Amino acid sequence: MSQEILKNLLEKNNRHDVEVISRGTYVLPHITVPSKIKDFLSKNNINFSGHTPTQYSKQDLSSSDLIFVMTQEQYDEITDRYAEFSDKIYLLGEFISNKTRDIDDPISLVGKAFEKSADNLKNLIYSLYEKI
C-alpha cells in the first residue's frame, strides 16, 4: 500500500528521480494483496498496478539509498543481519516525526481499525513525500 501511494504521488507530481520498491521481512509465497488494500487504493484514486510480495535481500539493501520499516522489530531484524546498511534504514514514523514509534500494519486489521490505520499510513506517506 505504501509503495502504491508513494508511486502515485511521484507520478502526479512528475517526479522521476525516485524509484520505489516494496519488500517484506517475512513473506509467504502464497500471500496475495488483499482486496481491502486494493479497495482502499481505488477509493483514494490510486491505480493498483499489481504487486507480488517479495522478501528483502542484501542486494535490495545495498542498492537502496533509503530504507523505511514500520516497526522496531523490523528495524532490529534487518540491522542485526546487515549492520553495514544501518545508516540508511529508518523507522518511517521516526523519520517523519522524530519520535520513535511503530506503525500498525493495516493488512491485519478489519473494519474501522483498518480504515484508521490505512488513513494514518497514507498520511505518513504524504509526509514522507514532502521530505524527499
Protein backbone atom coordinates (compact mmCIF):
# COMPACT_ATOMS: atom_id res chain seq x y z
CA MET A 1 0.00 0.00 0.00
CA SER A 2 2.80 2.41 0.91
CA GLN A 3 4.56 1.70 -2.35
CA GLU A 4 1.48 2.45 -4.43
CA ILE A 5 0.66 5.65 -2.53
CA LEU A 6 4.20 6.99 -2.93
CA LYS A 7 4.42 5.98 -6.58
CA ASN A 8 1.13 7.75 -7.20
CA LEU A 9 2.37 10.96 -5.55
CA LEU A 10 5.59 10.86 -7.55
CA GLU A 11 3.73 10.29 -10.80
CA LYS A 12 1.15 13.03 -10.13
CA ASN A 13 3.98 15.48 -9.49
CA ASN A 14 6.06 14.40 -12.47
CA ARG A 15 8.92 13.19 -10.28
CA HIS A 16 11.12 10.61 -11.94
CA ASP A 17 14.11 10.94 -9.62
CA VAL A 18 12.86 8.39 -7.07
CA GLU A 19 12.44 4.65 -7.53
CA VAL A 20 10.11 2.95 -5.08
CA ILE A 21 10.18 -0.75 -4.28
CA SER A 22 8.42 -2.65 -1.55
CA ARG A 23 9.89 -5.64 0.21
CA GLY A 24 8.82 -7.67 3.20
CA THR A 25 10.65 -9.09 6.18
CA TYR A 26 8.55 -12.26 6.38
CA VAL A 27 6.99 -13.09 3.04
CA LEU A 28 5.00 -16.25 2.47
CA PRO A 29 4.88 -17.38 -1.18
CA HIS A 30 1.11 -17.91 -1.27
CA ILE A 31 0.18 -14.45 0.02
CA THR A 32 -1.50 -12.03 -2.39
CA VAL A 33 -2.57 -8.43 -1.92
CA PRO A 34 -5.92 -8.48 -0.07
CA SER A 35 -8.97 -6.93 -1.70
CA LYS A 36 -9.36 -4.47 1.21
CA ILE A 37 -5.97 -2.95 0.24
CA LYS A 38 -6.97 -2.75 -3.42
CA ASP A 39 -10.32 -1.22 -2.42
CA PHE A 40 -8.62 1.38 -0.20
CA LEU A 41 -6.27 2.37 -3.02
CA SER A 42 -9.14 2.58 -5.50
CA LYS A 43 -11.20 4.69 -3.08
CA ASN A 44 -8.24 7.09 -2.91
CA ASN A 45 -7.90 7.26 -6.72
CA ILE A 46 -4.66 5.31 -6.70
CA ASN A 47 -4.17 2.84 -9.52
CA PHE A 48 -3.01 -0.54 -8.33
CA SER A 49 -0.75 -1.98 -10.98
CA GLY A 50 -0.24 -5.30 -9.27
CA HIS A 51 2.33 -6.41 -6.75
CA THR A 52 3.97 -9.68 -5.85
CA PRO A 53 5.07 -9.71 -2.21
CA THR A 54 8.84 -10.21 -2.19
CA GLN A 55 11.30 -10.93 0.62
CA TYR A 56 14.00 -8.29 1.02
CA SER A 57 17.54 -9.24 0.06
CA LYS A 58 21.03 -7.99 0.74
CA GLN A 59 21.08 -6.69 -2.86
CA ASP A 60 17.92 -4.62 -2.17
CA LEU A 61 19.59 -3.06 0.86
CA SER A 62 22.83 -2.45 -0.97
CA SER A 63 21.21 -0.74 -3.96
CA SER A 64 18.82 1.48 -1.96
CA ASP A 65 19.55 4.99 -0.71
CA LEU A 66 16.81 4.99 1.93
CA ILE A 67 15.01 2.05 3.53
CA PHE A 68 11.89 2.51 5.62
CA VAL A 69 10.39 -0.01 8.01
CA MET A 70 7.20 0.23 10.03
CA THR A 71 8.27 -1.34 13.33
CA GLN A 72 11.23 -1.51 15.68
CA GLU A 73 11.12 -5.30 15.30
CA GLN A 74 11.64 -4.98 11.53
CA TYR A 75 14.42 -2.46 12.07
CA ASP A 76 16.19 -4.73 14.56
CA GLU A 77 15.83 -7.80 12.36
CA ILE A 78 17.37 -6.11 9.32
CA THR A 79 20.12 -4.21 11.13
CA ASP A 80 21.09 -7.28 13.18
CA ARG A 81 21.51 -9.22 9.96
CA TYR A 82 23.05 -6.44 7.86
CA ALA A 83 24.62 -3.90 10.19
CA GLU A 84 26.58 -2.39 7.31
CA PHE A 85 23.36 -0.83 5.99
CA SER A 86 22.06 0.56 9.30
CA ASP A 87 22.93 4.14 8.30
CA LYS A 88 20.20 4.14 5.66
CA ILE A 89 17.46 2.23 7.46
CA TYR A 90 14.80 4.25 9.27
CA LEU A 91 11.60 3.70 11.17
CA LEU A 92 9.08 5.52 8.98
CA GLY A 93 7.33 7.13 11.96
CA GLU A 94 10.62 8.37 13.39
CA PHE A 95 11.82 9.72 10.04
CA ILE A 96 8.59 11.71 9.68
CA SER A 97 8.04 12.96 13.22
CA ASN A 98 11.38 12.48 15.01
CA LYS A 99 9.56 10.27 17.51
CA THR A 100 10.32 6.59 17.79
CA ARG A 101 7.07 4.78 17.16
CA ASP A 102 5.82 1.71 15.42
CA ILE A 103 3.18 1.95 12.72
CA ASP A 104 0.36 -0.56 12.70
CA ASP A 105 0.21 -2.60 9.52
CA PRO A 106 -3.34 -2.22 8.22
CA ILE A 107 -3.22 -5.59 6.49
CA SER A 108 -4.01 -7.45 9.71
CA LEU A 109 -6.89 -5.16 10.73
CA VAL A 110 -10.55 -5.05 9.77
CA GLY A 111 -13.39 -2.54 9.68
CA LYS A 112 -12.86 0.86 11.25
CA ALA A 113 -9.48 -0.18 12.68
CA PHE A 114 -8.31 -0.97 9.14
CA GLU A 115 -9.60 2.34 7.78
CA LYS A 116 -7.96 4.33 10.58
CA SER A 117 -4.65 2.54 10.17
CA ALA A 118 -4.72 2.79 6.38
CA ASP A 119 -5.51 6.53 6.54
CA ASN A 120 -2.68 7.01 9.04
CA LEU A 121 -0.26 5.19 6.74
CA LYS A 122 -1.42 7.25 3.76
CA ASN A 123 -0.83 10.48 5.72
CA LEU A 124 2.63 9.31 6.74
CA ILE A 125 3.49 8.55 3.12
CA TYR A 126 2.31 12.03 2.12
CA SER A 127 4.60 13.45 4.81
CA LEU A 128 7.45 11.27 3.56
CA TYR A 129 6.90 12.59 0.06
CA GLU A 130 7.28 16.15 1.36
CA LYS A 131 10.62 15.25 2.99
CA ILE A 132 12.14 13.58 -0.03
